[in-house]
PDB file of N, CA and C in Angstrom:
ATOM      1  N   MET A   1      -2.106 -17.118  -8.578  1.00  0.00           N
ATOM      2  CA  MET A   1      -2.162 -15.775  -8.019  1.00  0.00           C
ATOM      3  C   MET A   1      -3.598 -15.441  -7.631  1.00  0.00           C
ATOM      4  N   LYS A   2      -3.742 -14.715  -6.544  1.00  0.00           N
ATOM      5  CA  LYS A   2      -5.060 -14.318  -6.081  1.00  0.00           C
ATOM      6  C   LYS A   2      -5.581 -13.166  -6.942  1.00  0.00           C
ATOM      7  N   GLU A   3      -6.839 -12.854  -6.775  1.00  0.00           N
ATOM      8  CA  GLU A   3      -7.455 -11.747  -7.503  1.00  0.00           C
ATOM      9  C   GLU A   3      -6.886 -10.414  -7.032  1.00  0.00           C
ATOM     10  N   ILE A   4      -6.991  -9.387  -7.875  1.00  0.00           N
ATOM     11  CA  ILE A   4      -6.433  -8.068  -7.560  1.00  0.00           C
ATOM     12  C   ILE A   4      -7.069  -7.486  -6.310  1.00  0.00           C
ATOM     13  N   HIS A   5      -8.396  -7.609  -6.190  1.00  0.00           N
ATOM     14  CA  HIS A   5      -9.070  -7.018  -5.028  1.00  0.00           C
ATOM     15  C   HIS A   5      -8.737  -7.754  -3.733  1.00  0.00           C
ATOM     16  N   GLU A   6      -8.211  -8.967  -3.823  1.00  0.00           N
ATOM     17  CA  GLU A   6      -7.783  -9.684  -2.623  1.00  0.00           C
ATOM     18  C   GLU A   6      -6.384  -9.262  -2.195  1.00  0.00           C
ATOM     19  N   ILE A   7      -5.554  -8.821  -3.146  1.00  0.00           N
ATOM     20  CA  ILE A   7      -4.182  -8.409  -2.842  1.00  0.00           C
ATOM     21  C   ILE A   7      -4.149  -6.957  -2.379  1.00  0.00           C
ATOM     22  N   LEU A   8      -4.741  -6.053  -3.161  1.00  0.00           N
ATOM     23  CA  LEU A   8      -4.754  -4.625  -2.830  1.00  0.00           C
ATOM     24  C   LEU A   8      -5.991  -4.316  -2.002  1.00  0.00           C
ATOM     25  N   VAL A   9      -5.793  -3.982  -0.738  1.00  0.00           N
ATOM     26  CA  VAL A   9      -6.932  -3.686   0.129  1.00  0.00           C
ATOM     27  C   VAL A   9      -7.402  -2.256  -0.114  1.00  0.00           C
ATOM     28  N   ALA A  10      -6.489  -1.280  -0.012  1.00  0.00           N
ATOM     29  CA  ALA A  10      -6.853   0.127  -0.203  1.00  0.00           C
ATOM     30  C   ALA A  10      -5.590   0.965  -0.285  1.00  0.00           C
ATOM     31  N   PRO A  11      -5.669   2.129  -0.945  1.00  0.00           N
ATOM     32  CA  PRO A  11      -4.534   3.052  -0.852  1.00  0.00           C
ATOM     33  C   PRO A  11      -4.472   3.636   0.554  1.00  0.00           C
ATOM     34  N   HIS A  12      -3.280   3.854   1.047  1.00  0.00           N
ATOM     35  CA  HIS A  12      -3.089   4.389   2.401  1.00  0.00           C
ATOM     36  C   HIS A  12      -2.699   5.856   2.260  1.00  0.00           C
ATOM     37  N   ILE A  13      -3.667   6.748   2.433  1.00  0.00           N
ATOM     38  CA  ILE A  13      -3.460   8.180   2.211  1.00  0.00           C
ATOM     39  C   ILE A  13      -3.287   8.882   3.553  1.00  0.00           C
ATOM     40  N   THR A  14      -2.088   9.420   3.777  1.00  0.00           N
ATOM     41  CA  THR A  14      -1.783  10.233   4.950  1.00  0.00           C
ATOM     42  C   THR A  14      -0.990  11.442   4.467  1.00  0.00           C
ATOM     43  N   GLU A  15      -0.643  12.346   5.383  1.00  0.00           N
ATOM     44  CA  GLU A  15       0.177  13.492   4.998  1.00  0.00           C
ATOM     45  C   GLU A  15       1.522  13.047   4.446  1.00  0.00           C
ATOM     46  N   ALA A  16       2.141  12.097   5.122  1.00  0.00           N
ATOM     47  CA  ALA A  16       3.459  11.626   4.699  1.00  0.00           C
ATOM     48  C   ALA A  16       3.388  10.926   3.342  1.00  0.00           C
ATOM     49  N   SER A  17       2.361  10.103   3.126  1.00  0.00           N
ATOM     50  CA  SER A  17       2.261   9.406   1.847  1.00  0.00           C
ATOM     51  C   SER A  17       1.882  10.363   0.718  1.00  0.00           C
ATOM     52  N   ALA A  18       1.149  11.427   1.029  1.00  0.00           N
ATOM     53  CA  ALA A  18       0.810  12.424   0.002  1.00  0.00           C
ATOM     54  C   ALA A  18       2.068  13.166  -0.460  1.00  0.00           C
ATOM     55  N   LYS A  19       3.003  13.413   0.445  1.00  0.00           N
ATOM     56  CA  LYS A  19       4.265  14.046   0.055  1.00  0.00           C
ATOM     57  C   LYS A  19       5.071  13.135  -0.863  1.00  0.00           C
ATOM     58  N   LEU A  20       5.033  11.828  -0.599  1.00  0.00           N
ATOM     59  CA  LEU A  20       5.757  10.875  -1.443  1.00  0.00           C
ATOM     60  C   LEU A  20       5.165  10.803  -2.850  1.00  0.00           C
ATOM     61  N   MET A  21       3.848  11.010  -2.962  1.00  0.00           N
ATOM     62  CA  MET A  21       3.182  10.923  -4.260  1.00  0.00           C
ATOM     63  C   MET A  21       3.528  12.087  -5.181  1.00  0.00           C
ATOM     64  N   THR A  22       3.861  13.241  -4.617  1.00  0.00           N
ATOM     65  CA  THR A  22       4.039  14.433  -5.436  1.00  0.00           C
ATOM     66  C   THR A  22       5.483  14.722  -5.796  1.00  0.00           C
ATOM     67  N   GLY A  23       6.423  13.962  -5.300  1.00  0.00           N
ATOM     68  CA  GLY A  23       7.835  14.242  -5.544  1.00  0.00           C
ATOM     69  C   GLY A  23       8.287  13.853  -6.937  1.00  0.00           C
ATOM     70  N   GLU A  24       9.580  14.013  -7.164  1.00  0.00           N
ATOM     71  CA  GLU A  24      10.190  13.631  -8.441  1.00  0.00           C
ATOM     72  C   GLU A  24      10.016  12.129  -8.683  1.00  0.00           C
ATOM     73  N   VAL A  25      10.307  11.355  -7.646  1.00  0.00           N
ATOM     74  CA  VAL A  25      10.105   9.909  -7.712  1.00  0.00           C
ATOM     75  C   VAL A  25       8.735   9.621  -7.125  1.00  0.00           C
ATOM     76  N   ARG A  26       7.862   9.029  -7.924  1.00  0.00           N
ATOM     77  CA  ARG A  26       6.499   8.753  -7.469  1.00  0.00           C
ATOM     78  C   ARG A  26       6.471   7.479  -6.633  1.00  0.00           C
ATOM     79  N   THR A  27       6.113   7.628  -5.353  1.00  0.00           N
ATOM     80  CA  THR A  27       5.973   6.482  -4.458  1.00  0.00           C
ATOM     81  C   THR A  27       4.572   6.504  -3.869  1.00  0.00           C
ATOM     82  N   TYR A  28       3.859   5.402  -4.028  1.00  0.00           N
ATOM     83  CA  TYR A  28       2.495   5.278  -3.526  1.00  0.00           C
ATOM     84  C   TYR A  28       2.473   4.236  -2.419  1.00  0.00           C
ATOM     85  N   VAL A  29       1.566   4.414  -1.471  1.00  0.00           N
ATOM     86  CA  VAL A  29       1.476   3.518  -0.317  1.00  0.00           C
ATOM     87  C   VAL A  29       0.109   2.836  -0.351  1.00  0.00           C
ATOM     88  N   PHE A  30       0.118   1.513  -0.194  1.00  0.00           N
ATOM     89  CA  PHE A  30      -1.110   0.728  -0.219  1.00  0.00           C
ATOM     90  C   PHE A  30      -1.160  -0.208   0.972  1.00  0.00           C
ATOM     91  N   LYS A  31      -2.380  -0.454   1.477  1.00  0.00           N
ATOM     92  CA  LYS A  31      -2.601  -1.545   2.414  1.00  0.00           C
ATOM     93  C   LYS A  31      -2.824  -2.784   1.557  1.00  0.00           C
ATOM     94  N   VAL A  32      -2.121  -3.855   1.892  1.00  0.00           N
ATOM     95  CA  VAL A  32      -2.210  -5.079   1.097  1.00  0.00           C
ATOM     96  C   VAL A  32      -2.486  -6.272   2.002  1.00  0.00           C
ATOM     97  N   ALA A  33      -2.815  -7.392   1.396  1.00  0.00           N
ATOM     98  CA  ALA A  33      -3.056  -8.623   2.147  1.00  0.00           C
ATOM     99  C   ALA A  33      -1.771  -9.068   2.831  1.00  0.00           C
ATOM    100  N   LYS A  34      -1.906  -9.622   4.038  1.00  0.00           N
ATOM    101  CA  LYS A  34      -0.724 -10.005   4.809  1.00  0.00           C
ATOM    102  C   LYS A  34       0.078 -11.119   4.140  1.00  0.00           C
ATOM    103  N   ASP A  35      -0.569 -11.967   3.369  1.00  0.00           N
ATOM    104  CA  ASP A  35       0.138 -13.082   2.742  1.00  0.00           C
ATOM    105  C   ASP A  35       0.569 -12.786   1.304  1.00  0.00           C
ATOM    106  N   ALA A  36       0.426 -11.546   0.845  1.00  0.00           N
ATOM    107  CA  ALA A  36       0.811 -11.180  -0.523  1.00  0.00           C
ATOM    108  C   ALA A  36       2.328 -10.993  -0.621  1.00  0.00           C
ATOM    109  N   SER A  37       2.913 -11.546  -1.673  1.00  0.00           N
ATOM    110  CA  SER A  37       4.347 -11.377  -1.889  1.00  0.00           C
ATOM    111  C   SER A  37       4.594 -10.109  -2.711  1.00  0.00           C
ATOM    112  N   LYS A  38       5.862  -9.709  -2.793  1.00  0.00           N
ATOM    113  CA  LYS A  38       6.211  -8.513  -3.557  1.00  0.00           C
ATOM    114  C   LYS A  38       5.878  -8.695  -5.034  1.00  0.00           C
ATOM    115  N   LEU A  39       6.083  -9.885  -5.557  1.00  0.00           N
ATOM    116  CA  LEU A  39       5.764 -10.147  -6.965  1.00  0.00           C
ATOM    117  C   LEU A  39       4.259 -10.072  -7.218  1.00  0.00           C
ATOM    118  N   ASP A  40       3.456 -10.592  -6.284  1.00  0.00           N
ATOM    119  CA  ASP A  40       1.996 -10.497  -6.404  1.00  0.00           C
ATOM    120  C   ASP A  40       1.547  -9.045  -6.384  1.00  0.00           C
ATOM    121  N   ILE A  41       2.128  -8.255  -5.484  1.00  0.00           N
ATOM    122  CA  ILE A  41       1.755  -6.843  -5.357  1.00  0.00           C
ATOM    123  C   ILE A  41       2.133  -6.089  -6.627  1.00  0.00           C
ATOM    124  N   LYS A  42       3.327  -6.333  -7.143  1.00  0.00           N
ATOM    125  CA  LYS A  42       3.776  -5.670  -8.363  1.00  0.00           C
ATOM    126  C   LYS A  42       2.859  -5.992  -9.539  1.00  0.00           C
ATOM    127  N   ALA A  43       2.528  -7.263  -9.704  1.00  0.00           N
ATOM    128  CA  ALA A  43       1.646  -7.669 -10.802  1.00  0.00           C
ATOM    129  C   ALA A  43       0.254  -7.049 -10.669  1.00  0.00           C
ATOM    130  N   ALA A  44      -0.268  -6.978  -9.435  1.00  0.00           N
ATOM    131  CA  ALA A  44      -1.601  -6.411  -9.214  1.00  0.00           C
ATOM    132  C   ALA A  44      -1.627  -4.919  -9.513  1.00  0.00           C
ATOM    133  N   ILE A  45      -0.595  -4.180  -9.109  1.00  0.00           N
ATOM    134  CA  ILE A  45      -0.533  -2.739  -9.368  1.00  0.00           C
ATOM    135  C   ILE A  45      -0.421  -2.485 -10.870  1.00  0.00           C
ATOM    136  N   GLU A  46       0.451  -3.231 -11.548  1.00  0.00           N
ATOM    137  CA  GLU A  46       0.625  -3.031 -12.986  1.00  0.00           C
ATOM    138  C   GLU A  46      -0.644  -3.350 -13.760  1.00  0.00           C
ATOM    139  N   LYS A  47      -1.355  -4.373 -13.336  1.00  0.00           N
ATOM    140  CA  LYS A  47      -2.602  -4.750 -14.025  1.00  0.00           C
ATOM    141  C   LYS A  47      -3.737  -3.778 -13.709  1.00  0.00           C
ATOM    142  N   ARG A  48      -3.862  -3.386 -12.452  1.00  0.00           N
ATOM    143  CA  ARG A  48      -4.985  -2.522 -12.029  1.00  0.00           C
ATOM    144  C   ARG A  48      -4.861  -1.101 -12.556  1.00  0.00           C
ATOM    145  N   TYR A  49      -3.654  -0.503 -12.470  1.00  0.00           N
ATOM    146  CA  TYR A  49      -3.491   0.909 -12.802  1.00  0.00           C
ATOM    147  C   TYR A  49      -2.758   1.141 -14.128  1.00  0.00           C
ATOM    148  N   ASP A  50      -2.335   0.087 -14.826  1.00  0.00           N
ATOM    149  CA  ASP A  50      -1.667   0.178 -16.121  1.00  0.00           C
ATOM    150  C   ASP A  50      -0.429   1.082 -16.062  1.00  0.00           C
ATOM    151  N   VAL A  51       0.462   0.794 -15.112  1.00  0.00           N
ATOM    152  CA  VAL A  51       1.720   1.524 -14.936  1.00  0.00           C
ATOM    153  C   VAL A  51       2.852   0.504 -14.828  1.00  0.00           C
ATOM    154  N   LYS A  52       4.083   0.988 -14.898  1.00  0.00           N
ATOM    155  CA  LYS A  52       5.254   0.138 -14.728  1.00  0.00           C
ATOM    156  C   LYS A  52       5.843   0.382 -13.334  1.00  0.00           C
ATOM    157  N   VAL A  53       5.989  -0.660 -12.552  1.00  0.00           N
ATOM    158  CA  VAL A  53       6.498  -0.567 -11.187  1.00  0.00           C
ATOM    159  C   VAL A  53       8.008  -0.776 -11.200  1.00  0.00           C
ATOM    160  N   ASP A  54       8.715   0.111 -10.509  1.00  0.00           N
ATOM    161  CA  ASP A  54      10.169  -0.006 -10.392  1.00  0.00           C
ATOM    162  C   ASP A  54      10.554  -0.879  -9.209  1.00  0.00           C
ATOM    163  N   SER A  55       9.957  -0.627  -8.030  1.00  0.00           N
ATOM    164  CA  SER A  55      10.283  -1.428  -6.855  1.00  0.00           C
ATOM    165  C   SER A  55       9.097  -1.496  -5.904  1.00  0.00           C
ATOM    166  N   VAL A  56       9.122  -2.528  -5.068  1.00  0.00           N
ATOM    167  CA  VAL A  56       8.099  -2.735  -4.043  1.00  0.00           C
ATOM    168  C   VAL A  56       8.807  -3.006  -2.723  1.00  0.00           C
ATOM    169  N   ASN A  57       8.503  -2.211  -1.718  1.00  0.00           N
ATOM    170  CA  ASN A  57       9.005  -2.423  -0.357  1.00  0.00           C
ATOM    171  C   ASN A  57       7.807  -2.659   0.548  1.00  0.00           C
ATOM    172  N   THR A  58       7.906  -3.656   1.415  1.00  0.00           N
ATOM    173  CA  THR A  58       6.782  -3.977   2.290  1.00  0.00           C
ATOM    174  C   THR A  58       7.211  -3.961   3.744  1.00  0.00           C
ATOM    175  N   LEU A  59       6.227  -3.786   4.612  1.00  0.00           N
ATOM    176  CA  LEU A  59       6.456  -3.883   6.047  1.00  0.00           C
ATOM    177  C   LEU A  59       5.164  -4.276   6.728  1.00  0.00           C
ATOM    178  N   ILE A  60       5.313  -4.874   7.904  1.00  0.00           N
ATOM    179  CA  ILE A  60       4.157  -5.285   8.707  1.00  0.00           C
ATOM    180  C   ILE A  60       3.967  -4.258   9.813  1.00  0.00           C
ATOM    181  N   ASN A  61       2.795  -3.642   9.862  1.00  0.00           N
ATOM    182  CA  ASN A  61       2.464  -2.747  10.961  1.00  0.00           C
ATOM    183  C   ASN A  61       1.837  -3.582  12.068  1.00  0.00           C
ATOM    184  N   ARG A  62       2.397  -3.505  13.246  1.00  0.00           N
ATOM    185  CA  ARG A  62       1.905  -4.270  14.377  1.00  0.00           C
ATOM    186  C   ARG A  62       0.675  -3.604  14.960  1.00  0.00           C
ATOM    187  N   GLY A  63      -0.315  -4.404  15.319  1.00  0.00           N
ATOM    188  CA  GLY A  63      -1.544  -3.886  15.889  1.00  0.00           C
ATOM    189  C   GLY A  63      -1.330  -3.336  17.285  1.00  0.00           C
ATOM    190  N   LYS A  64      -2.001  -2.234  17.569  1.00  0.00           N
ATOM    191  CA  LYS A  64      -1.858  -1.596  18.875  1.00  0.00           C
ATOM    192  C   LYS A  64      -2.756  -2.271  19.905  1.00  0.00           C
ATOM    193  N   ILE A  65      -2.356  -2.164  21.151  1.00  0.00           N
ATOM    194  CA  ILE A  65      -3.171  -2.667  22.250  1.00  0.00           C
ATOM    195  C   ILE A  65      -4.102  -1.546  22.682  1.00  0.00           C
ATOM    196  N   LYS A  66      -5.383  -1.823  22.688  1.00  0.00           N
ATOM    197  CA  LYS A  66      -6.407  -0.843  23.064  1.00  0.00           C
ATOM    198  C   LYS A  66      -7.193  -1.373  24.251  1.00  0.00           C
ATOM    199  N   ARG A  67      -7.684  -0.437  25.060  1.00  0.00           N
ATOM    200  CA  ARG A  67      -8.490  -0.806  26.225  1.00  0.00           C
ATOM    201  C   ARG A  67      -9.851  -0.170  26.127  1.00  0.00           C
ATOM    202  N   VAL A  68     -10.861  -0.923  26.512  1.00  0.00           N
ATOM    203  CA  VAL A  68     -12.208  -0.404  26.693  1.00  0.00           C
ATOM    204  C   VAL A  68     -12.607  -0.777  28.111  1.00  0.00           C
ATOM    205  N   ARG A  69     -12.628   0.216  28.953  1.00  0.00           N
ATOM    206  CA  ARG A  69     -12.856   0.025  30.385  1.00  0.00           C
ATOM    207  C   ARG A  69     -11.819  -0.923  30.961  1.00  0.00           C
ATOM    208  N   LEU A  70     -12.229  -2.096  31.396  1.00  0.00           N
ATOM    209  CA  LEU A  70     -11.294  -3.018  32.027  1.00  0.00           C
ATOM    210  C   LEU A  70     -10.781  -4.088  31.063  1.00  0.00           C
ATOM    211  N   VAL A  71     -11.314  -4.129  29.879  1.00  0.00           N
ATOM    212  CA  VAL A  71     -10.965  -5.177  28.926  1.00  0.00           C
ATOM    213  C   VAL A  71      -9.903  -4.669  27.964  1.00  0.00           C
ATOM    214  N   ALA A  72      -8.796  -5.355  27.904  1.00  0.00           N
ATOM    215  CA  ALA A  72      -7.739  -4.999  26.963  1.00  0.00           C
ATOM    216  C   ALA A  72      -7.848  -5.889  25.729  1.00  0.00           C
ATOM    217  N   GLY A  73      -7.651  -5.282  24.574  1.00  0.00           N
ATOM    218  CA  GLY A  73      -7.701  -6.038  23.324  1.00  0.00           C
ATOM    219  C   GLY A  73      -6.580  -5.577  22.410  1.00  0.00           C
ATOM    220  N   LYS A  74      -6.418  -6.263  21.310  1.00  0.00           N
ATOM    221  CA  LYS A  74      -5.348  -5.937  20.381  1.00  0.00           C
ATOM    222  C   LYS A  74      -5.926  -5.839  18.984  1.00  0.00           C
ATOM    223  N   LYS A  75      -5.569  -4.757  18.272  1.00  0.00           N
ATOM    224  CA  LYS A  75      -5.965  -4.632  16.876  1.00  0.00           C
ATOM    225  C   LYS A  75      -5.095  -5.570  16.047  1.00  0.00           C
ATOM    226  N   SER A  76      -5.602  -5.997  14.925  1.00  0.00           N
ATOM    227  CA  SER A  76      -4.852  -6.965  14.126  1.00  0.00           C
ATOM    228  C   SER A  76      -3.714  -6.295  13.353  1.00  0.00           C
ATOM    229  N   ASN A  77      -2.684  -7.073  13.051  1.00  0.00           N
ATOM    230  CA  ASN A  77      -1.562  -6.598  12.253  1.00  0.00           C
ATOM    231  C   ASN A  77      -2.009  -6.413  10.808  1.00  0.00           C
ATOM    232  N   TRP A  78      -1.317  -5.524  10.077  1.00  0.00           N
ATOM    233  CA  TRP A  78      -1.620  -5.332   8.668  1.00  0.00           C
ATOM    234  C   TRP A  78      -0.340  -5.008   7.910  1.00  0.00           C
ATOM    235  N   LYS A  79      -0.374  -5.233   6.607  1.00  0.00           N
ATOM    236  CA  LYS A  79       0.812  -5.086   5.778  1.00  0.00           C
ATOM    237  C   LYS A  79       0.672  -3.848   4.900  1.00  0.00           C
ATOM    238  N   LYS A  80       1.773  -3.110   4.795  1.00  0.00           N
ATOM    239  CA  LYS A  80       1.822  -1.890   4.009  1.00  0.00           C
ATOM    240  C   LYS A  80       2.873  -2.070   2.918  1.00  0.00           C
ATOM    241  N   ALA A  81       2.574  -1.577   1.707  1.00  0.00           N
ATOM    242  CA  ALA A  81       3.516  -1.684   0.592  1.00  0.00           C
ATOM    243  C   ALA A  81       3.808  -0.304   0.035  1.00  0.00           C
ATOM    244  N   TYR A  82       5.098   0.007  -0.124  1.00  0.00           N
ATOM    245  CA  TYR A  82       5.543   1.233  -0.770  1.00  0.00           C
ATOM    246  C   TYR A  82       5.873   0.885  -2.220  1.00  0.00           C
ATOM    247  N   ILE A  83       5.134   1.471  -3.167  1.00  0.00           N
ATOM    248  CA  ILE A  83       5.276   1.183  -4.584  1.00  0.00           C
ATOM    249  C   ILE A  83       5.969   2.362  -5.249  1.00  0.00           C
ATOM    250  N   THR A  84       7.152   2.138  -5.820  1.00  0.00           N
ATOM    251  CA  THR A  84       7.872   3.174  -6.557  1.00  0.00           C
ATOM    252  C   THR A  84       7.703   2.895  -8.041  1.00  0.00           C
ATOM    253  N   LEU A  85       7.214   3.896  -8.766  1.00  0.00           N
ATOM    254  CA  LEU A  85       6.970   3.743 -10.196  1.00  0.00           C
ATOM    255  C   LEU A  85       8.186   4.172 -11.001  1.00  0.00           C
ATOM    256  N   LYS A  86       8.257   3.693 -12.231  1.00  0.00           N
ATOM    257  CA  LYS A  86       9.339   4.099 -13.124  1.00  0.00           C
ATOM    258  C   LYS A  86       9.153   5.560 -13.510  1.00  0.00           C
ATOM    259  N   ALA A  87      10.218   6.181 -14.021  1.00  0.00           N
ATOM    260  CA  ALA A  87      10.192   7.612 -14.371  1.00  0.00           C
ATOM    261  C   ALA A  87       9.098   7.889 -15.395  1.00  0.00           C
ATOM    262  N   GLY A  88       8.360   8.973 -15.161  1.00  0.00           N
ATOM    263  CA  GLY A  88       7.296   9.386 -16.074  1.00  0.00           C
ATOM    264  C   GLY A  88       5.964   8.704 -15.844  1.00  0.00           C
ATOM    265  N   GLN A  89       5.885   7.784 -14.900  1.00  0.00           N
ATOM    266  CA  GLN A  89       4.645   7.058 -14.608  1.00  0.00           C
ATOM    267  C   GLN A  89       3.950   7.696 -13.412  1.00  0.00           C
ATOM    268  N   LYS A  90       2.614   7.668 -13.419  1.00  0.00           N
ATOM    269  CA  LYS A  90       1.848   8.105 -12.246  1.00  0.00           C
ATOM    270  C   LYS A  90       0.486   7.443 -12.272  1.00  0.00           C
ATOM    271  N   ILE A  91      -0.129   7.364 -11.120  1.00  0.00           N
ATOM    272  CA  ILE A  91      -1.480   6.793 -10.994  1.00  0.00           C
ATOM    273  C   ILE A  91      -2.455   7.963 -10.944  1.00  0.00           C
ATOM    274  N   ALA A  92      -3.197   8.153 -12.004  1.00  0.00           N
ATOM    275  CA  ALA A  92      -4.084   9.316 -12.131  1.00  0.00           C
ATOM    276  C   ALA A  92      -5.213   9.298 -11.101  1.00  0.00           C
ATOM    277  N   GLU A  93      -5.674   8.122 -10.721  1.00  0.00           N
ATOM    278  CA  GLU A  93      -6.792   8.012  -9.771  1.00  0.00           C
ATOM    279  C   GLU A  93      -6.424   8.542  -8.391  1.00  0.00           C
ATOM    280  N   LEU A  94      -5.145   8.505  -8.044  1.00  0.00           N
ATOM    281  CA  LEU A  94      -4.718   8.921  -6.708  1.00  0.00           C
ATOM    282  C   LEU A  94      -4.117  10.311  -6.689  1.00  0.00           C
ATOM    283  N   GLU A  95      -4.059  10.994  -7.805  1.00  0.00           N
ATOM    284  CA  GLU A  95      -3.514  12.348  -7.857  1.00  0.00           C
ATOM    285  C   GLU A  95      -4.521  13.326  -7.249  1.00  0.00           C
ATOM    286  N   GLY A  96      -4.041  14.243  -6.431  1.00  0.00           N
ATOM    287  CA  GLY A  96      -4.888  15.278  -5.847  1.00  0.00           C
ATOM    288  C   GLY A  96      -5.783  14.801  -4.727  1.00  0.00           C
ATOM    289  N   VAL A  97      -5.506  13.624  -4.172  1.00  0.00           N
ATOM    290  CA  VAL A  97      -6.331  13.105  -3.083  1.00  0.00           C
ATOM    291  C   VAL A  97      -5.845  13.686  -1.779  1.00  0.00           C
TER     292      VAL A  97
END
């Protein structure tokens, strides 16, 4: 297994993800390494934040095509993970962000 900092890139904080964090069921969104499996992500979250993970859902966000003057380029793809915690669990570091 890779190191935790190689698997978890950063928490993905948006309006929609902030609503998921505050509900009855705590769901957190993270940017993760593209080659990380669900089991790797689950183990990294449990080790890093000392919580119990109920489920992990992942998806690949496709990079957008951007233009600068006449040159067209493409942003790279990235992977997003939705982490649902067991009842009564929360990540204190991400509360109130």
